[in-house]
Protein backbone atom coordinates (compact mmCIF):
# COMPACT_ATOMS: atom_id res chain seq x y z
CA MET A 1 123.80 145.33 15.26
CA ARG A 2 126.81 145.71 13.15
CA GLY A 3 129.04 148.26 14.84
CA TRP A 4 129.44 151.34 12.71
CA ASN A 5 129.53 153.51 15.77
CA ARG A 6 130.82 157.00 15.70
CA PRO A 7 132.45 158.50 18.79
CA LEU A 8 129.91 160.18 21.07
CA GLY A 9 130.01 162.23 24.26
CA ALA A 10 128.30 162.76 27.54
CA ALA A 11 126.38 165.89 28.39
CA VAL A 12 123.05 167.01 29.60
CA LEU A 13 120.95 169.74 28.09
CA MET A 14 118.19 171.41 29.99
CA ILE A 15 116.19 174.01 28.21
CA LEU A 16 113.31 175.95 29.62
CA THR A 17 110.64 177.76 27.66
CA ALA A 18 107.37 176.28 26.52
CA ALA A 19 107.55 173.66 23.78
CA CYS A 20 106.90 174.93 20.32
CA SER A 21 103.94 173.08 18.85
CA GLY A 22 104.99 173.70 15.27
CA GLY A 23 107.81 171.97 13.45
CA GLY A 24 109.53 175.16 12.40
CA GLN A 25 112.25 177.06 14.20
CA PRO A 26 111.24 177.61 17.87
CA SER A 27 110.93 181.24 18.84
CA ALA A 28 113.48 182.76 21.19
CA SER A 29 112.57 183.68 24.74
CA SER A 30 114.56 185.75 27.21
CA SER A 31 112.10 185.76 30.09
CA ALA A 32 112.09 182.09 31.06
CA ALA A 33 113.92 180.82 34.13
CA PRO A 34 117.47 179.53 33.67
CA VAL A 35 117.75 175.91 32.59
CA THR A 36 120.63 173.52 31.95
CA LEU A 37 120.10 170.86 29.31
CA THR A 38 122.50 167.93 29.22
CA ILE A 39 123.42 165.67 26.26
CA GLN A 40 125.53 162.52 26.32
CA ASP A 41 127.21 160.80 23.41
CA PHE A 42 130.64 159.49 22.40
CA SER A 43 131.58 161.93 19.61
CA VAL A 44 134.87 162.96 21.15
CA GLU A 45 136.10 164.42 17.86
CA GLN A 46 133.11 166.79 17.90
CA THR A 47 133.83 168.33 21.31
CA ASP A 48 134.84 171.76 20.01
CA PHE A 49 131.88 171.82 17.67
CA HIS A 50 129.51 170.98 20.51
CA LYS A 51 130.87 173.96 22.44
CA GLN A 52 130.02 176.14 19.46
CA VAL A 53 126.52 174.64 19.38
CA ALA A 54 126.04 175.38 23.08
CA ALA A 55 127.23 178.97 22.64
CA GLU A 56 124.96 179.58 19.66
CA TYR A 57 121.95 178.05 21.37
CA GLN A 58 122.50 180.22 24.44
CA ARG A 59 122.85 183.27 22.20
CA VAL A 60 119.40 182.54 20.76
CA TYR A 61 117.95 181.33 24.08
CA PRO A 62 119.87 183.15 26.85
CA ASN A 63 118.10 181.25 29.61
CA VAL A 64 119.41 177.89 28.40
CA THR A 65 122.82 176.39 29.14
CA VAL A 66 123.65 173.40 26.99
CA GLN A 67 126.19 171.01 28.48
CA TRP A 68 127.37 168.58 25.81
CA SER A 69 130.23 166.29 26.79
CA SER A 70 131.77 163.32 25.02
CA THR A 71 133.64 160.27 26.26
CA ALA A 72 135.25 157.35 24.48
CA GLN A 73 132.72 154.82 23.23
CA ALA A 74 133.75 151.92 25.48
CA GLN A 75 133.58 154.14 28.56
CA TYR A 76 130.30 155.67 27.45
CA GLU A 77 128.61 152.29 27.02
CA GLN A 78 129.57 151.43 30.59
CA THR A 79 128.73 154.72 32.28
CA LEU A 80 125.37 155.50 30.63
CA PRO A 81 123.59 152.46 32.12
CA LEU A 82 125.02 153.39 35.51
CA ALA A 83 123.68 156.92 35.10
CA PHE A 84 120.18 155.53 34.57
CA GLN A 85 120.52 153.20 37.54
CA SER A 86 121.55 156.07 39.81
CA LYS A 87 118.80 158.38 38.48
CA GLN A 88 121.40 160.74 37.03
CA ALA A 89 120.71 160.21 33.35
CA PRO A 90 121.09 163.06 30.84
CA ASP A 91 118.20 164.83 29.17
CA LEU A 92 119.27 163.66 25.72
CA PHE A 93 121.59 160.80 24.86
CA TYR A 94 122.93 158.76 21.96
CA TRP A 95 122.27 155.02 21.62
CA GLN A 96 121.89 152.67 18.64
CA LYS A 97 123.49 149.38 19.69
CA GLN A 98 120.38 147.30 18.95
CA GLY A 99 119.97 148.49 15.37
CA SER A 100 116.38 148.76 14.21
CA ASN A 101 115.21 147.34 17.55
CA THR A 102 116.92 150.07 19.58
CA MET A 103 113.71 151.93 20.43
CA ASN A 104 112.05 148.78 21.71
CA TRP A 105 115.11 147.83 23.75
CA LEU A 106 115.28 151.31 25.28
CA LEU A 107 111.57 151.22 26.09
CA SER A 108 111.90 147.80 27.72
CA ASN A 109 114.62 149.26 29.95
CA SER A 110 112.56 152.39 30.67
CA TRP A 111 115.26 154.70 29.34
CA ILE A 112 113.30 156.88 26.93
CA SER A 113 110.21 159.00 26.53
CA THR A 114 108.70 160.48 23.37
CA VAL A 115 110.58 163.22 21.52
CA SER A 116 107.81 165.71 22.35
CA PRO A 117 105.98 165.80 25.69
CA ASP A 118 102.85 164.14 24.26
CA GLY A 119 104.52 162.10 21.51
CA LYS A 120 102.83 164.09 18.76
CA VAL A 121 104.89 165.93 16.17
CA PRO A 122 103.80 168.23 13.33
CA SER A 123 104.00 167.03 9.75
CA ASP A 124 106.29 169.89 8.75
CA TRP A 125 108.87 168.48 11.17
CA THR A 126 108.70 164.87 9.90
CA LYS A 127 108.89 166.16 6.32
CA ARG A 128 112.50 167.10 7.01
CA TRP A 129 113.27 163.41 6.41
CA PRO A 130 112.72 161.23 3.33
CA ALA A 131 109.38 159.46 3.07
CA GLY A 132 109.23 156.30 5.15
CA SER A 133 111.66 157.54 7.80
CA PHE A 134 109.10 157.26 10.60
CA GLN A 135 107.77 153.75 11.14
CA ASN A 136 105.85 152.05 13.91
CA GLY A 137 108.11 149.53 15.56
CA ILE A 138 111.27 151.40 14.55
CA ASN A 139 110.99 154.94 15.94
CA MET A 140 107.25 155.10 16.64
CA LYS A 141 104.96 153.13 18.89
CA ASP A 142 101.18 153.41 19.06
CA GLY A 143 101.42 156.42 16.78
CA LYS A 144 103.79 158.34 19.07
CA VAL A 145 107.26 159.39 17.94
CA TYR A 146 110.24 158.32 20.06
CA GLY A 147 113.16 158.81 17.69
CA PHE A 148 114.36 160.23 14.39
CA PRO A 149 116.99 159.18 11.84
CA TRP A 150 120.35 160.84 12.37
CA GLN A 151 122.83 159.84 9.68
CA ASP A 152 121.49 158.85 6.29
CA THR A 153 121.71 155.21 5.23
CA HIS A 154 122.43 155.87 1.57
CA TYR A 155 125.93 157.35 1.71
CA TRP A 156 126.87 156.50 5.28
CA GLY A 157 128.59 153.23 6.09
CA PRO A 158 131.56 151.07 5.06
CA GLY A 159 132.63 150.19 1.55
CA TYR A 160 134.88 152.98 0.29
CA MET A 161 138.47 152.50 -0.88
CA TYR A 162 140.95 155.34 -0.36
CA MET A 163 144.04 155.46 -2.57
CA ASN A 164 147.17 157.50 -1.83
CA LYS A 165 148.00 159.44 -5.00
CA ALA A 166 151.71 159.70 -4.25
CA VAL A 167 152.17 155.96 -3.74
CA PHE A 168 150.17 155.13 -6.84
CA ALA A 169 152.28 157.56 -8.84
CA GLN A 170 155.48 155.93 -7.55
CA ALA A 171 154.14 152.60 -8.80
CA GLY A 172 153.23 154.05 -12.18
CA LEU A 173 149.52 153.52 -11.48
CA ASP A 174 146.59 155.87 -11.99
CA PRO A 175 144.31 156.09 -8.91
CA THR A 176 141.57 157.61 -11.06
CA ASN A 177 141.46 154.22 -12.77
CA PRO A 178 141.13 152.12 -9.60
CA PRO A 179 140.97 148.34 -9.33
CA THR A 180 137.35 147.28 -9.60
CA THR A 181 137.73 143.49 -9.30
CA TRP A 182 139.53 141.16 -6.93
CA SER A 183 142.00 140.20 -9.64
CA GLN A 184 142.73 143.83 -10.42
CA LEU A 185 143.28 144.57 -6.72
CA ALA A 186 145.73 141.67 -6.47
CA ASP A 187 147.57 142.93 -9.56
CA THR A 188 147.64 146.47 -8.16
CA CYS A 189 149.13 145.16 -4.92
CA ALA A 190 151.78 143.21 -6.82
CA THR A 191 152.79 146.32 -8.75
CA ILE A 192 152.97 148.49 -5.62
CA LYS A 193 155.02 145.85 -3.84
CA SER A 194 157.51 145.56 -6.69
CA LYS A 195 157.88 149.25 -7.54
CA THR A 196 157.62 151.09 -4.22
CA LYS A 197 158.73 150.76 -0.63
CA ALA A 198 155.13 151.09 0.55
CA TYR A 199 152.76 148.32 1.51
CA CYS A 200 149.73 147.83 -0.66
CA MET A 201 147.08 148.00 2.07
CA ALA A 202 146.91 149.38 5.59
CA VAL A 203 144.55 146.92 7.27
CA PRO A 204 143.85 147.28 11.00
CA LEU A 205 143.47 143.88 12.69
CA LYS A 206 143.20 144.84 16.34
CA GLY A 207 139.88 144.23 18.10
CA THR A 208 136.98 144.84 15.72
CA ASP A 209 138.92 147.17 13.43
CA TRP A 210 139.22 144.34 10.89
CA GLN A 211 135.62 145.16 10.01
CA ARG A 212 136.77 148.21 8.02
CA THR A 213 138.26 145.99 5.34
CA TRP A 214 136.06 142.94 5.83
CA TYR A 215 132.68 144.64 5.37
CA ALA A 216 133.82 146.35 2.17
CA MET A 217 135.07 143.15 0.56
CA ALA A 218 132.37 140.80 1.86
CA ALA A 219 129.55 143.03 0.62
CA GLY A 220 130.38 142.51 -3.04
CA ASN A 221 130.33 138.74 -2.68
CA MET A 222 127.26 138.34 -0.46
CA THR A 223 126.59 140.65 2.50
CA ASP A 224 128.37 142.97 4.90
CA LEU A 225 126.43 141.48 7.81
CA PHE A 226 127.13 138.36 9.86
CA PHE A 227 123.51 137.32 9.34
CA ASP A 228 121.97 136.07 6.09
CA TYR A 229 118.51 137.61 5.74
CA LYS A 230 117.83 135.59 2.62
CA ASN A 231 117.93 132.26 4.46
CA GLY A 232 117.52 133.38 8.06
CA LYS A 233 120.87 132.15 9.34
CA PHE A 234 124.09 133.45 10.80
CA SER A 235 126.42 133.54 7.85
CA LEU A 236 130.17 133.38 8.52
CA ASP A 237 130.39 129.76 7.35
CA ASN A 238 128.55 130.46 4.09
CA PRO A 239 130.75 129.45 1.11
CA ALA A 240 130.65 133.01 -0.24
CA MET A 241 131.85 134.44 3.07
CA LEU A 242 134.64 131.86 3.30
CA GLN A 243 135.64 132.65 -0.28
CA THR A 244 135.98 136.34 0.61
CA PHE A 245 138.06 135.50 3.65
CA ASN A 246 140.32 133.16 1.68
CA TYR A 247 140.94 135.89 -0.88
CA LEU A 248 141.95 138.40 1.81
CA GLN A 249 144.06 135.79 3.58
CA GLY A 250 145.86 135.26 0.29
CA LEU A 251 146.73 138.96 0.08
CA TYR A 252 147.97 138.84 3.67
CA ASN A 253 150.16 135.82 2.96
CA LYS A 254 151.73 137.58 -0.02
CA GLY A 255 152.75 140.50 2.19
CA ASP A 256 150.22 142.92 0.70
CA PHE A 257 148.97 144.01 4.15
CA ALA A 258 151.13 146.23 6.34
CA PRO A 259 152.50 143.89 9.03
CA GLY A 260 151.37 143.62 12.62
CA VAL A 261 148.08 143.61 14.47
CA GLN A 262 147.48 147.35 14.54
CA ASP A 263 144.49 149.47 15.46
CA LYS A 264 142.70 151.76 13.04
CA SER A 265 144.54 154.90 14.19
CA PHE A 266 147.93 153.36 13.40
CA SER A 267 146.77 152.07 10.00
CA ARG A 268 145.27 155.43 9.09
CA GLN A 269 148.52 157.18 9.91
CA GLN A 270 150.40 154.67 7.77
CA PHE A 271 148.18 155.49 4.82
CA ALA A 272 148.38 159.26 5.31
CA ALA A 273 152.18 159.05 5.64
CA GLY A 274 152.51 157.19 2.35
CA GLN A 275 153.55 153.91 3.95
CA ALA A 276 150.54 152.17 2.38
CA ALA A 277 148.69 152.75 -0.88
CA ILE A 278 145.14 151.70 0.07
CA TYR A 279 142.90 151.97 3.11
CA MET A 280 139.24 150.88 3.27
CA ASP A 281 136.66 152.48 5.53
CA GLY A 282 133.63 154.76 5.56
CA PRO A 283 133.08 158.36 4.38
CA TRP A 284 133.88 159.66 7.87
CA MET A 285 137.50 159.25 6.83
CA ILE A 286 137.31 162.51 4.91
CA SER A 287 137.24 164.46 8.17
CA VAL A 288 139.78 162.09 9.75
CA TRP A 289 142.23 162.67 6.90
CA ASP A 290 141.77 166.42 7.28
CA GLN A 291 142.57 166.15 10.98
CA LEU A 292 145.76 164.31 10.03
CA GLY A 293 146.70 167.08 7.58
CA PHE A 294 146.06 164.76 4.63
CA HIS A 295 143.56 166.43 2.33
CA SER A 296 141.48 165.32 -0.62
CA ASP A 297 143.99 166.56 -3.19
CA SER A 298 146.29 163.78 -1.91
CA TYR A 299 143.95 160.80 -2.30
CA VAL A 300 141.17 159.37 -4.43
CA VAL A 301 137.99 157.68 -3.18
CA ALA A 302 136.61 154.68 -5.07
CA ALA A 303 134.13 151.88 -4.52
CA HIS A 304 135.31 148.61 -3.04
CA PRO A 305 136.39 146.00 -5.63
CA ASN A 306 133.91 143.24 -6.47
CA PRO A 307 134.58 139.57 -7.28
CA ASP A 308 135.59 138.82 -10.84
CA GLY A 309 132.42 138.46 -12.87
CA GLY A 310 130.53 141.16 -10.99
CA ALA A 311 128.89 141.87 -7.67
CA LYS A 312 126.94 139.05 -6.04
CA GLY A 313 125.90 141.22 -3.10
CA ALA A 314 125.75 144.79 -1.90
CA LEU A 315 126.30 146.92 1.16
CA SER A 316 123.25 147.00 3.42
CA SER A 317 121.06 149.97 4.25
CA LEU A 318 119.29 149.34 7.57
CA ASN A 319 116.83 151.04 9.91
CA SER A 320 119.68 151.57 12.34
CA GLN A 321 120.27 155.32 12.40
CA ASN A 322 117.79 156.41 15.05
CA ALA A 323 120.40 157.62 17.49
CA TYR A 324 119.44 160.52 19.81
CA TRP A 325 116.74 159.99 22.41
CA VAL A 326 114.93 161.93 25.12
CA SER A 327 115.62 160.42 28.52
CA SER A 328 112.74 159.09 30.59
CA GLN A 329 114.39 160.82 33.57
CA THR A 330 114.43 164.31 32.06
CA GLN A 331 112.69 167.06 33.98
CA HIS A 332 112.75 169.24 30.88
CA ALA A 333 110.75 167.38 28.25
CA ALA A 334 109.41 170.53 26.57
CA GLU A 335 112.86 172.07 26.47
CA ALA A 336 114.43 168.91 25.04
CA TRP A 337 111.83 168.86 22.26
CA LYS A 338 112.52 172.52 21.53
CA PHE A 339 116.24 171.80 21.21
CA ILE A 340 115.59 168.81 18.92
CA GLN A 341 113.55 171.02 16.60
CA TRP A 342 116.34 173.59 16.51
CA MET A 343 119.07 170.96 16.01
CA THR A 344 117.28 169.23 13.12
CA ASN A 345 116.56 172.40 11.15
CA PRO A 346 117.85 171.36 7.68
CA THR A 347 119.29 174.83 7.00
CA GLY A 348 120.01 175.86 10.57
CA PHE A 349 123.22 176.47 12.50
CA PHE A 350 123.69 172.86 13.57
CA ALA A 351 123.27 171.26 10.14
CA GLN A 352 125.37 173.81 8.29
CA ASN A 353 128.26 173.71 10.74
CA PHE A 354 128.11 169.95 11.38
CA LEU A 355 128.40 169.32 7.67
CA SER A 356 131.03 172.00 7.14
CA HIS A 357 133.18 170.04 9.61
CA GLN A 358 132.48 166.93 7.49
CA PHE A 359 131.70 164.80 10.54
CA ALA A 360 129.05 162.75 8.76
CA THR A 361 126.01 162.98 6.55
CA LEU A 362 122.69 163.94 8.13
CA ALA A 363 119.38 162.31 7.27
CA PHE A 364 117.45 165.58 7.60
CA ALA A 365 119.73 167.94 5.62
CA ASP A 366 120.83 168.46 2.02
CA ASP A 367 124.20 166.69 2.27
CA LYS A 368 125.11 167.23 -1.36
CA LYS A 369 124.65 170.97 -1.01
CA LEU A 370 126.48 171.39 2.28
CA LEU A 371 129.29 168.85 1.90
CA THR A 372 131.48 170.53 -0.70
CA ASP A 373 134.85 168.79 -0.37
CA PRO A 374 135.76 167.05 -3.67
CA ALA A 375 136.14 163.76 -1.79
CA TRP A 376 132.51 163.99 -0.71
CA GLN A 377 131.48 164.55 -4.30
CA GLN A 378 133.24 161.28 -5.16
CA VAL A 379 131.40 159.53 -2.32
CA PHE A 380 128.06 160.77 -3.63
CA LYS A 381 128.80 159.50 -7.14
CA ILE A 382 129.88 156.11 -5.82
CA ALA A 383 126.89 155.56 -3.55
CA ASP A 384 124.37 156.84 -6.10
CA LYS A 385 125.23 154.00 -8.46
CA THR A 386 122.56 151.31 -8.50
CA GLY A 387 123.50 148.33 -6.40
CA PHE A 388 126.26 149.89 -4.33
CA ARG A 389 124.08 149.94 -1.21
CA VAL A 390 120.59 148.41 -1.05
CA GLN A 391 117.72 148.60 1.41
CA TYR A 392 117.68 145.39 3.40
CA PRO A 393 114.54 143.72 4.79
CA ASP A 394 113.78 144.24 8.47
CA PRO A 395 112.50 141.26 10.48
CA LEU A 396 110.88 143.64 12.96
CA LEU A 397 108.57 144.97 10.26
CA LYS A 398 107.70 141.46 9.11
CA CYS A 399 107.03 140.21 12.65
CA PRO A 400 106.23 143.13 15.01
CA ALA A 401 106.25 140.75 17.99
CA LEU A 402 110.04 140.61 17.67
CA ALA A 403 109.99 143.88 19.61
CA GLN A 404 109.45 141.71 22.70
CA SER A 405 111.87 138.98 21.64
CA LYS A 406 115.34 138.53 23.11
CA ALA A 407 116.33 135.71 20.79
CA TYR A 408 118.38 137.53 18.16
CA THR A 409 119.93 139.99 20.62
CA ASP A 410 120.99 137.22 22.98
CA ALA A 411 122.32 135.00 20.19
CA SER A 412 124.36 137.87 18.76
CA ALA A 413 125.70 138.77 22.20
CA LEU A 414 127.14 135.31 22.84
CA HIS A 415 130.91 135.73 22.87
CA PRO A 416 130.89 139.39 21.67
CA ASN A 417 132.83 140.11 18.47
CA TRP A 418 133.38 136.39 17.97
CA GLU A 419 133.37 136.62 14.17
CA HIS A 420 136.14 139.23 14.18
CA GLN A 421 138.21 137.25 16.66
CA VAL A 422 138.17 134.00 14.70
CA MET A 423 138.93 135.74 11.43
CA VAL A 424 141.90 137.68 12.81
CA ASP A 425 143.21 134.52 14.45
CA ALA A 426 142.88 132.55 11.22
CA ILE A 427 144.43 135.20 9.01
CA THR A 428 147.43 135.85 11.26
CA SER A 429 148.00 132.15 11.96
CA ASN A 430 147.39 131.05 8.36
CA LYS A 431 144.63 128.66 9.45
CA ASP A 432 141.52 127.44 7.70
CA LEU A 433 138.64 129.61 8.91
CA ARG A 434 135.94 127.02 8.22
CA PRO A 435 136.00 125.05 11.54
CA ALA A 436 135.88 128.18 13.70
CA ALA A 437 133.25 129.78 11.45
CA GLN A 438 131.05 126.69 11.73
CA LEU A 439 131.35 126.75 15.52
CA VAL A 440 130.35 130.41 15.65
CA VAL A 441 127.37 129.91 13.34
CA THR A 442 126.15 126.70 14.98
CA THR A 443 126.33 128.20 18.47
CA ARG A 444 124.54 131.41 17.53
CA GLN A 445 121.92 129.68 15.36
CA GLN A 446 121.03 127.15 18.04
CA ALA A 447 120.66 129.94 20.59
CA LEU A 448 118.45 131.94 18.20
CA GLU A 449 116.13 129.10 17.26
CA SER A 450 115.91 127.69 20.78
CA GLU A 451 114.88 131.02 22.27
CA LEU A 452 112.41 131.69 19.45
CA GLN A 453 110.77 128.33 20.14
CA LYS A 454 110.49 129.14 23.84
CA GLU A 455 109.02 132.56 23.12
CA SER A 456 106.57 131.09 20.64
CA ALA A 457 105.47 128.46 23.16
CA ALA A 458 104.86 131.30 25.63
CA GLY A 459 102.48 132.96 23.16
CA LEU A 460 104.75 135.41 21.34
CA LYS A 461 104.10 135.41 17.59
CA VAL A 462 107.67 134.82 16.49
CA SER A 463 109.53 132.10 14.61
CA ALA A 464 112.68 131.50 12.61
CA SER A 465 110.72 132.40 9.46
CA CYS A 466 110.62 136.03 10.66
CA TYR A 467 114.26 136.27 9.56
CA GLU A 468 113.86 134.62 6.14
CA PHE A 469 113.18 136.79 3.08
CA GLY A 470 114.40 134.67 0.17
CA THR A 471 110.93 133.16 -0.19
CA ASN A 472 109.73 136.60 -1.36
CA GLY A 473 112.31 136.56 -4.14
CA TRP A 474 114.67 138.98 -2.43
CA ASP A 475 118.37 138.69 -3.20
CA TYR A 476 121.46 140.43 -1.79
CA THR A 477 121.81 142.80 -4.74
CA GLN A 478 118.25 144.17 -4.55
CA ASN A 479 116.34 146.76 -2.59
CA PHE A 480 113.71 144.92 -0.58
CA ASN A 481 110.14 145.57 -1.71
CA THR A 482 108.38 146.76 1.45
CA ALA A 483 105.05 145.58 0.04
CA ASN A 484 106.25 142.06 0.77
CA TYR A 485 106.03 142.67 4.52
CA SER A 486 102.28 142.18 4.27
CA LYS A 487 102.55 138.89 2.40
CA PRO A 488 102.33 135.61 4.33
């Protein structure tokens, strides 16, 4: 899965009281025995908010102590598996590394149980989400519900361009008339370079942070993924992807990127301090800028620029936002379900305060009503335009047997973050990306097809065609027609 991970935390929630069978707000109880419910995730920036959540939940349910802790993502992804191995797993936890196949991966590792004790949920609870949010193979199995969408996939994700008003003004440019094409972006950078002391773009290149610029720019020319679902192939060596890279490398060579291989925190501070005019990333930056004391009256949000001649692709919307799960090791299944119902109340304490902090959008709440910062209003306008982000096809829904396949996961895991590494090396060394891109693609594709052939020979109904959707007429700029899943 492409890594748009938000920081999480580690905590365990244990809540007593009988499970509420309805989907509405669970009733309070003061007579039940004391319970501690633990939750784990990596949302370190939400630590204070989680303390408020725990306090409010205990006010409503005095017998319940919610322990919600957060650790850095890298540490979390190492310690959570160890917690399951040692039988010390939390009651609820965050995990979405396998994208739309996360539920199946978690089930294969015996990490999760159903959201409610019997796997059944009332319709008034599922109606909190848009139609089609609950699908067998994604967050349901055999009719039982295991997960629920967390962040929405319409507004959430990469692809937004932030422009520092002060720097644009110094250059005599109007950020409310942003560059919309690659040529216009290059011209904007040339003007900023000649008329200000700032760099045009703050572009983090350390680790995988390059993705924040790459996904935005690659989407308009083909796809923001490293896999081509039109032709069923890993995609970094595709001519369109190489063209995008060559364009960005050209900006780098002209000195339009702030120098050095910096991480995202450094680049964000450069932008907020007026040392760079442009920074590309997701809508979560609105809360990050606030934390840096840089508010929406100081910047403008716009869509990423597209190639001259118009967009040839779009940002992808995927079935990848099922994030919080009930642990298979919990001793408090009914209490965990009760907390989930309370947490996902669209107008409840959690939704209202989560959104007031501008941490993210929520799939079950009215984001437009509760996210009132002017920058969020710009984000909504951008993402609501047709073709900015489109619903991608899902191989798992075309070939359900992929739930038991390791082929794509293993092929993607070969040399983790390989695509980012070869791109950063090529851009900083002024090398041709093509040879390294071809090696990455050839290695991953051979691993994918070889394993699929082995699995097919063993009786699993999978093949390379499970990942090909161009034969149905789908293109990168279109929402996929789900009716085509049933077609041969």
